[in-house]
Amino acid sequence: MIRSGLRRRSLLRAGLGAGAATAGAGTMASAQPDPGAGRGHARVKLGCAVQRRYLDEAEYRAAITSHFDMVVTEDALKWERLRPNPRDFDFADSDVIVNFARSAGLAIRGHALVYHGQVPAWLDKVDNRRDAEDDMRRAIATTVGRYRGVIGSWDVVNEFTDDRPEVGSGLRPTVWERLIGPDYIAIALREAAAADPAAQLVLSDYFLEYRGRHYDDRRSVMLRVVRDLVRRGVPLHAVGMQGHLYGDRVVDGPAVSRFVAELKSLGLDVVVTELDIVDQAYPADPDIRDRLAAQQAFELLDAVTEGGGAHSILAWGVTDRYSWTSWHMRRQDGLPTRPLALDAAYRPKPLMRVLQHFRRRTVPPILPERGTRP
């Protein structure tokens, strides 16, 4: 049952008020989850994307272990770093991240086995199906095989929906789609499953959250692809909604809930894979920005929960100090971006309160109609 907008907004205002007080305390411990909260509810894993070069900093490591259950390799396993040439693999950075996570008792996600972005120059010279497929299969088998039983979840194919989803097949014309054809997605999933049958295999994409025809089309492409894969028995366990939230776009709560419910009906989980806030359109005042960011994240996560809930929620970074938005999505007023749940000094913001709320349970707090839900 979709709750009324009034109830949702009332809950949100109450939650953000508490979150602002928490953030104002300025201590990591203040945002820690209550071990007794949400008893009887499944706990959602909360994770963050990690860069190897910052793990030498004690504050960075402490923030991860204090606030998160899971890490994801942000760039270390993208082909640009992993595949310096067609023959060799460089696991130096990813091994550091994996060893850190294991020593801290954190779950690990791998990102991303097949992705058109951040690829080495030599890949542009591949011009035939056999070489493209051989390179893809070898990369997946080698990478997943190396971390078999250690990395429990993989973004197998990332961002495969075309930026004009209404055109043609709706698939992005990557080197693999062009040379292998649409079935490259199924081939990649089967190769990953062969390398680690126990791993969670995920297809992840962006702009699945918003209101508008373009975003309806992107959700339709994703659903069409995953329905076909499920029908054919291709190993697939979850769909990733990246969750890069832009301040000038509106989360389509009902559409997101229907989308998640449809995925659940296919036997698939949902993972929020890259949550952060692109705050270019928000006012300069940092307190206002932080509250708007928390509100937008709440709207997305609440809609996902209404549709059946997320298996895990991953923030795309640890701290505002080190976010891709600081160089790729700069504000026109020159102020630092504030995309994440911890500010540049590692202080929790209202967004952390929202994340902790959805971390504790897969359903929102008790509301009058809550007894109608299982």
Protein backbone atom coordinates (compact mmCIF):
# COMPACT_ATOMS: atom_id res chain seq x y z
CA MET A 1 0.00 0.00 0.00
CA ILE A 2 1.37 3.42 -0.95
CA ARG A 3 1.12 5.75 2.00
CA SER A 4 -0.32 9.24 1.61
CA GLY A 5 2.09 12.04 0.73
CA LEU A 6 1.07 13.83 3.94
CA ARG A 7 2.17 10.95 6.14
CA ARG A 8 5.41 10.56 4.23
CA ARG A 9 6.27 14.24 4.54
CA SER A 10 5.40 14.26 8.25
CA LEU A 11 7.66 11.28 8.86
CA LEU A 12 10.40 12.91 6.84
CA ARG A 13 10.27 16.17 8.77
CA ALA A 14 10.49 14.31 12.06
CA GLY A 15 13.39 12.17 10.88
CA LEU A 16 15.41 15.08 9.49
CA GLY A 17 14.94 17.07 12.67
CA ALA A 18 16.56 14.28 14.62
CA GLY A 19 19.20 13.91 11.93
CA ALA A 20 20.16 17.56 12.09
CA ALA A 21 20.64 17.29 15.85
CA THR A 22 22.80 14.23 15.35
CA ALA A 23 24.94 15.95 12.74
CA GLY A 24 25.37 18.96 14.98
CA ALA A 25 26.94 16.81 17.67
CA GLY A 26 29.93 16.38 15.36
CA THR A 27 30.92 12.88 16.45
CA MET A 28 30.99 9.64 14.49
CA ALA A 29 29.52 7.72 17.41
CA SER A 30 26.40 9.87 17.40
CA ALA A 31 25.21 8.32 14.14
CA GLN A 32 25.84 4.71 15.08
CA PRO A 33 22.87 2.37 14.75
CA ASP A 34 21.08 1.23 17.89
CA PRO A 35 21.71 -2.54 18.08
CA GLY A 36 18.19 -3.02 19.40
CA ALA A 37 16.46 -0.93 16.74
CA GLY A 38 14.23 -2.67 14.26
CA ARG A 39 14.18 -6.06 15.98
CA GLY A 40 12.12 -8.47 13.94
CA HIS A 41 13.03 -6.67 10.70
CA ALA A 42 15.68 -7.70 8.19
CA ARG A 43 18.77 -5.52 8.32
CA VAL A 44 19.77 -3.81 5.08
CA LYS A 45 23.51 -3.69 4.44
CA LEU A 46 24.89 -0.15 4.19
CA GLY A 47 28.05 0.29 2.20
CA CYS A 48 30.37 2.81 0.59
CA ALA A 49 32.65 3.04 -2.42
CA VAL A 50 36.31 2.98 -1.42
CA GLN A 51 39.42 4.32 -3.14
CA ARG A 52 42.70 2.60 -2.40
CA ARG A 53 44.73 5.84 -2.28
CA TYR A 54 42.84 7.14 0.76
CA LEU A 55 43.10 3.99 2.85
CA ASP A 56 46.43 5.20 4.20
CA GLU A 57 44.49 7.87 6.15
CA ALA A 58 43.37 6.77 9.62
CA GLU A 59 40.26 9.00 9.53
CA TYR A 60 39.13 7.47 6.26
CA ARG A 61 39.52 3.92 7.55
CA ALA A 62 37.79 4.77 10.82
CA ALA A 63 34.83 6.35 9.03
CA ILE A 64 34.32 3.20 6.96
CA THR A 65 34.43 0.82 9.91
CA SER A 66 32.30 3.11 12.10
CA HIS A 67 29.43 3.65 9.70
CA PHE A 68 29.30 0.90 7.09
CA ASP A 69 28.81 -2.86 6.73
CA MET A 70 30.15 -3.22 3.20
CA VAL A 71 32.62 -1.70 0.77
CA VAL A 72 32.65 -1.58 -3.01
CA THR A 73 35.74 -1.13 -5.17
CA GLU A 74 35.14 2.31 -6.68
CA ASP A 75 37.77 2.36 -9.45
CA ALA A 76 40.28 -0.37 -8.65
CA LEU A 77 38.63 -3.05 -10.81
CA LYS A 78 37.69 -0.90 -13.77
CA TRP A 79 39.59 -1.94 -16.87
CA GLU A 80 41.58 1.31 -17.08
CA ARG A 81 43.44 0.25 -13.91
CA LEU A 82 42.98 -3.49 -14.07
CA ARG A 83 44.02 -4.15 -17.70
CA PRO A 84 47.17 -2.15 -18.54
CA ASN A 85 47.51 -4.26 -21.69
CA PRO A 86 45.60 -7.16 -23.27
CA ARG A 87 47.79 -9.76 -21.53
CA ASP A 88 48.22 -8.58 -17.95
CA PHE A 89 46.10 -7.82 -14.89
CA ASP A 90 47.00 -5.42 -12.08
CA PHE A 91 45.24 -6.32 -8.83
CA ALA A 92 47.48 -4.21 -6.56
CA ASP A 93 44.82 -1.63 -5.62
CA SER A 94 41.92 -4.04 -5.38
CA ASP A 95 43.92 -6.43 -3.19
CA VAL A 96 44.55 -3.61 -0.69
CA ILE A 97 40.84 -2.78 -0.53
CA VAL A 98 39.81 -6.42 -0.21
CA ASN A 99 42.39 -7.13 2.50
CA PHE A 100 41.30 -4.04 4.45
CA ALA A 101 37.64 -5.08 4.24
CA ARG A 102 38.35 -8.63 5.30
CA SER A 103 40.42 -7.53 8.27
CA ALA A 104 37.58 -5.21 9.33
CA GLY A 105 34.89 -7.87 8.89
CA LEU A 106 33.13 -5.97 6.09
CA ALA A 107 31.26 -7.48 3.16
CA ILE A 108 32.65 -6.64 -0.29
CA ARG A 109 31.12 -5.78 -3.68
CA GLY A 110 33.08 -5.73 -6.93
CA HIS A 111 32.60 -2.98 -9.52
CA ALA A 112 32.45 -3.34 -12.51
CA LEU A 113 33.27 -6.34 -14.68
CA VAL A 114 31.92 -4.98 -17.97
CA TYR A 115 31.70 -1.20 -18.25
CA HIS A 116 32.22 1.11 -21.21
CA GLY A 117 33.73 3.89 -19.06
CA GLN A 118 37.31 4.17 -17.83
CA VAL A 119 38.68 1.62 -20.27
CA PRO A 120 42.27 1.33 -21.57
CA ALA A 121 43.21 2.72 -24.98
CA TRP A 122 44.04 -0.74 -26.33
CA LEU A 123 40.38 -1.77 -26.11
CA ASP A 124 39.51 0.74 -28.85
CA LYS A 125 41.60 -1.32 -31.26
CA VAL A 126 39.55 -4.49 -30.79
CA ASP A 127 37.56 -4.84 -34.01
CA ASN A 128 36.10 -8.35 -34.18
CA ARG A 129 33.71 -10.49 -32.17
CA ARG A 130 36.16 -13.24 -31.28
CA ASP A 131 38.69 -10.92 -29.67
CA ALA A 132 36.00 -8.84 -27.92
CA GLU A 133 34.35 -11.91 -26.44
CA ASP A 134 37.65 -13.57 -25.52
CA ASP A 135 38.85 -10.40 -23.73
CA MET A 136 35.57 -10.05 -21.86
CA ARG A 137 35.40 -13.69 -20.81
CA ARG A 138 39.02 -13.74 -19.70
CA ALA A 139 38.64 -10.57 -17.66
CA ILE A 140 35.55 -11.89 -15.88
CA ALA A 141 36.93 -15.37 -15.25
CA THR A 142 40.26 -14.02 -13.97
CA THR A 143 38.80 -11.28 -11.77
CA VAL A 144 35.89 -13.17 -10.25
CA GLY A 145 38.03 -16.28 -9.92
CA ARG A 146 40.69 -14.38 -7.98
CA TYR A 147 38.12 -13.22 -5.41
CA ARG A 148 35.89 -16.29 -5.41
CA GLY A 149 34.26 -16.66 -2.00
CA VAL A 150 35.60 -13.25 -0.91
CA ILE A 151 33.75 -10.69 -3.03
CA GLY A 152 30.13 -11.68 -2.55
CA SER A 153 28.42 -9.38 -5.06
CA TRP A 154 29.38 -8.06 -8.50
CA ASP A 155 28.20 -5.35 -10.84
CA VAL A 156 28.58 -7.61 -13.84
CA VAL A 157 27.41 -5.19 -16.56
CA ASN A 158 27.26 -1.52 -15.67
CA GLU A 159 25.36 1.25 -17.50
CA PHE A 160 24.22 -0.72 -20.53
CA THR A 161 21.09 1.36 -21.24
CA ASP A 162 21.52 3.87 -24.06
CA ASP A 163 21.20 7.57 -23.30
CA ARG A 164 18.44 7.55 -25.93
CA PRO A 165 16.56 4.51 -24.64
CA GLU A 166 13.67 5.04 -27.04
CA VAL A 167 15.92 4.36 -30.06
CA GLY A 168 16.55 0.87 -31.47
CA SER A 169 17.24 -1.84 -28.90
CA GLY A 170 17.70 0.71 -26.12
CA LEU A 171 21.17 -0.71 -25.43
CA ARG A 172 24.27 1.47 -25.28
CA PRO A 173 26.54 0.82 -28.32
CA THR A 174 29.58 -0.29 -26.32
CA VAL A 175 32.42 -2.23 -27.92
CA TRP A 176 30.80 -5.44 -26.67
CA GLU A 177 27.29 -4.61 -27.90
CA ARG A 178 28.65 -3.60 -31.30
CA LEU A 179 30.94 -6.59 -31.82
CA ILE A 180 29.15 -9.36 -29.89
CA GLY A 181 25.57 -8.14 -29.99
CA PRO A 182 22.94 -7.82 -27.24
CA ASP A 183 23.72 -11.29 -25.93
CA TYR A 184 27.00 -10.03 -24.47
CA ILE A 185 25.06 -9.35 -21.27
CA ALA A 186 23.97 -12.98 -20.92
CA ILE A 187 27.48 -14.18 -21.79
CA ALA A 188 28.98 -11.97 -19.09
CA LEU A 189 26.52 -13.18 -16.45
CA ARG A 190 27.13 -16.84 -17.29
CA GLU A 191 30.90 -16.34 -17.18
CA ALA A 192 30.66 -14.68 -13.76
CA ALA A 193 28.43 -17.45 -12.44
CA ALA A 194 30.89 -20.08 -13.65
CA ALA A 195 33.74 -18.29 -11.88
CA ASP A 196 31.84 -18.01 -8.56
CA PRO A 197 28.47 -19.77 -8.38
CA ALA A 198 27.76 -18.31 -4.92
CA ALA A 199 28.21 -14.64 -5.85
CA GLN A 200 25.31 -12.22 -6.24
CA LEU A 201 25.26 -11.04 -9.88
CA VAL A 202 23.88 -7.57 -10.58
CA LEU A 203 23.04 -5.42 -13.60
CA SER A 204 23.35 -1.76 -12.63
CA ASP A 205 22.34 1.47 -14.34
CA TYR A 206 21.57 5.13 -13.68
CA PHE A 207 18.54 7.43 -14.12
CA LEU A 208 16.03 4.76 -13.06
CA GLU A 209 14.63 7.01 -10.31
CA TYR A 210 13.03 10.07 -11.88
CA ARG A 211 9.76 11.39 -13.23
CA GLY A 212 9.45 11.84 -16.98
CA ARG A 213 9.18 9.98 -20.26
CA HIS A 214 12.94 9.55 -20.64
CA TYR A 215 13.19 7.83 -17.25
CA ASP A 216 10.10 5.71 -17.94
CA ASP A 217 11.88 4.51 -21.09
CA ARG A 218 15.04 3.66 -19.17
CA ARG A 219 13.07 1.59 -16.66
CA SER A 220 11.29 -0.13 -19.55
CA VAL A 221 14.58 -1.09 -21.21
CA MET A 222 15.89 -2.52 -17.94
CA LEU A 223 12.70 -4.51 -17.35
CA ARG A 224 12.67 -5.83 -20.91
CA VAL A 225 16.28 -7.00 -20.63
CA VAL A 226 15.92 -8.65 -17.23
CA ARG A 227 12.61 -10.35 -18.12
CA ASP A 228 14.31 -11.92 -21.13
CA LEU A 229 17.29 -13.05 -19.06
CA VAL A 230 15.07 -14.57 -16.38
CA ARG A 231 12.94 -16.31 -19.00
CA ARG A 232 16.07 -17.85 -20.53
CA GLY A 233 17.44 -19.00 -17.19
CA VAL A 234 20.49 -16.72 -17.32
CA PRO A 235 22.02 -16.35 -13.81
CA LEU A 236 20.95 -12.93 -12.50
CA HIS A 237 20.15 -12.08 -8.90
CA ALA A 238 19.59 -8.33 -8.62
CA VAL A 239 19.21 -5.04 -10.42
CA GLY A 240 21.20 -2.03 -9.28
CA MET A 241 19.61 1.41 -9.16
CA GLN A 242 22.60 3.70 -8.93
CA GLY A 243 20.86 6.55 -7.14
CA HIS A 244 22.92 9.54 -8.26
CA LEU A 245 20.31 12.08 -7.19
CA TYR A 246 20.23 15.44 -8.97
CA GLY A 247 18.66 18.40 -7.21
CA ASP A 248 16.87 19.57 -10.37
CA ARG A 249 15.08 16.24 -10.94
CA VAL A 250 12.07 14.74 -9.14
CA VAL A 251 12.07 11.19 -7.80
CA ASP A 252 9.02 9.38 -9.17
CA GLY A 253 8.02 7.50 -6.03
CA PRO A 254 5.07 5.54 -7.46
CA ALA A 255 7.02 4.56 -10.59
CA VAL A 256 10.04 3.46 -8.54
CA SER A 257 7.81 1.38 -6.26
CA ARG A 258 6.18 -0.32 -9.25
CA PHE A 259 9.58 -0.92 -10.84
CA VAL A 260 10.96 -2.53 -7.68
CA ALA A 261 7.81 -4.62 -7.22
CA GLU A 262 8.10 -5.88 -10.79
CA LEU A 263 11.72 -6.89 -10.20
CA LYS A 264 10.71 -8.67 -6.99
CA SER A 265 8.00 -10.55 -8.89
CA LEU A 266 10.74 -11.88 -11.17
CA GLY A 267 12.62 -13.21 -8.15
CA LEU A 268 15.26 -10.47 -8.25
CA ASP A 269 16.65 -8.30 -5.48
CA VAL A 270 17.31 -4.58 -5.72
CA VAL A 271 20.59 -2.92 -4.74
CA VAL A 272 21.05 0.85 -4.54
CA THR A 273 24.57 0.84 -5.91
CA GLU A 274 25.91 4.43 -6.10
CA LEU A 275 23.88 6.76 -3.90
CA ASP A 276 24.95 10.39 -3.62
CA ILE A 277 23.56 13.87 -4.21
CA VAL A 278 24.55 16.12 -7.12
CA ASP A 279 23.78 19.44 -5.45
CA GLN A 280 24.45 21.97 -8.23
CA ALA A 281 20.82 23.12 -8.22
CA TYR A 282 20.58 23.48 -4.45
CA PRO A 283 21.03 26.79 -2.56
CA ALA A 284 24.42 27.83 -1.26
CA ASP A 285 23.54 27.51 2.43
CA PRO A 286 25.07 24.19 3.56
CA ASP A 287 22.39 23.44 6.14
CA ILE A 288 19.62 23.87 3.56
CA ARG A 289 21.54 21.80 1.05
CA ASP A 290 22.06 19.00 3.56
CA ARG A 291 18.38 18.88 4.45
CA LEU A 292 17.30 18.87 0.81
CA ALA A 293 19.80 16.11 0.07
CA ALA A 294 18.46 14.01 2.92
CA GLN A 295 14.90 14.60 1.79
CA GLN A 296 15.62 13.49 -1.77
CA ALA A 297 17.41 10.35 -0.59
CA PHE A 298 14.53 9.57 1.77
CA GLU A 299 12.06 9.84 -1.12
CA LEU A 300 14.05 7.36 -3.21
CA LEU A 301 14.68 4.85 -0.43
CA ASP A 302 11.11 5.07 0.84
CA ALA A 303 9.81 4.32 -2.67
CA VAL A 304 12.20 1.36 -2.96
CA THR A 305 10.95 0.12 0.41
CA GLU A 306 7.33 0.44 -0.70
CA GLY A 307 8.10 -1.77 -3.68
CA GLY A 308 9.61 -4.50 -1.54
CA GLY A 309 12.88 -3.15 -0.18
CA ALA A 310 16.57 -3.07 -1.05
CA HIS A 311 19.05 -5.85 -0.33
CA SER A 312 21.74 -3.23 0.30
CA ILE A 313 22.41 0.50 -0.07
CA LEU A 314 25.82 1.71 -1.26
CA ALA A 315 26.92 5.34 -0.99
CA TRP A 316 29.25 6.38 -3.81
CA GLY A 317 32.04 7.46 -1.50
CA VAL A 318 32.85 7.93 2.16
CA THR A 319 33.23 11.68 2.67
CA ASP A 320 32.55 14.93 0.82
CA ARG A 321 36.31 15.46 0.90
CA TYR A 322 36.79 12.77 -1.77
CA SER A 323 33.87 12.72 -4.19
CA TRP A 324 33.76 12.62 -7.98
CA THR A 325 31.32 15.55 -7.83
CA SER A 326 34.09 17.87 -6.60
CA TRP A 327 35.72 17.82 -10.03
CA HIS A 328 33.08 16.48 -12.43
CA MET A 329 29.93 18.23 -11.15
CA ARG A 330 31.22 21.52 -9.77
CA ARG A 331 28.82 24.19 -8.51
CA GLN A 332 28.67 27.45 -10.45
CA ASP A 333 29.14 29.44 -7.23
CA GLY A 334 32.45 27.67 -6.61
CA LEU A 335 31.38 26.24 -3.24
CA PRO A 336 32.44 22.69 -2.38
CA THR A 337 29.90 20.03 -3.22
CA ARG A 338 28.19 18.15 -0.36
CA PRO A 339 27.12 14.84 -1.91
CA LEU A 340 27.63 12.30 0.87
CA ALA A 341 26.54 11.46 4.41
CA LEU A 342 29.82 12.55 6.01
CA ASP A 343 31.14 16.06 5.41
CA ALA A 344 34.74 16.92 4.57
CA ALA A 345 35.61 16.73 8.28
CA TYR A 346 33.91 13.31 8.59
CA ARG A 347 30.97 14.73 10.57
CA PRO A 348 27.59 13.02 9.98
CA LYS A 349 24.96 15.03 8.12
CA PRO A 350 21.17 14.54 7.94
CA LEU A 351 21.73 12.13 5.05
CA MET A 352 23.45 9.75 7.47
CA ARG A 353 20.32 9.70 9.61
CA VAL A 354 18.30 8.68 6.55
CA LEU A 355 20.75 5.94 5.61
CA GLN A 356 20.82 4.58 9.14
CA HIS A 357 17.03 4.51 9.22
CA PHE A 358 16.83 2.34 6.10
CA ARG A 359 19.80 0.28 7.23
CA ARG A 360 17.92 -0.91 10.33
CA ARG A 361 14.87 -2.32 8.61
CA THR A 362 13.25 -2.97 5.26
CA VAL A 363 10.00 -1.25 6.22
CA PRO A 364 9.52 2.33 7.48
CA PRO A 365 8.58 3.12 11.09
CA ILE A 366 5.19 2.01 12.38
CA LEU A 367 2.34 3.96 10.79
CA PRO A 368 -1.43 3.51 11.21
CA GLU A 369 -1.82 1.21 8.23
CA ARG A 370 1.34 -0.78 8.95
CA GLY A 371 -0.67 -3.75 10.20
CA THR A 372 -1.89 -4.35 6.65
CA ARG A 373 1.62 -5.25 5.52
CA PRO A 374 3.31 -8.59 6.15
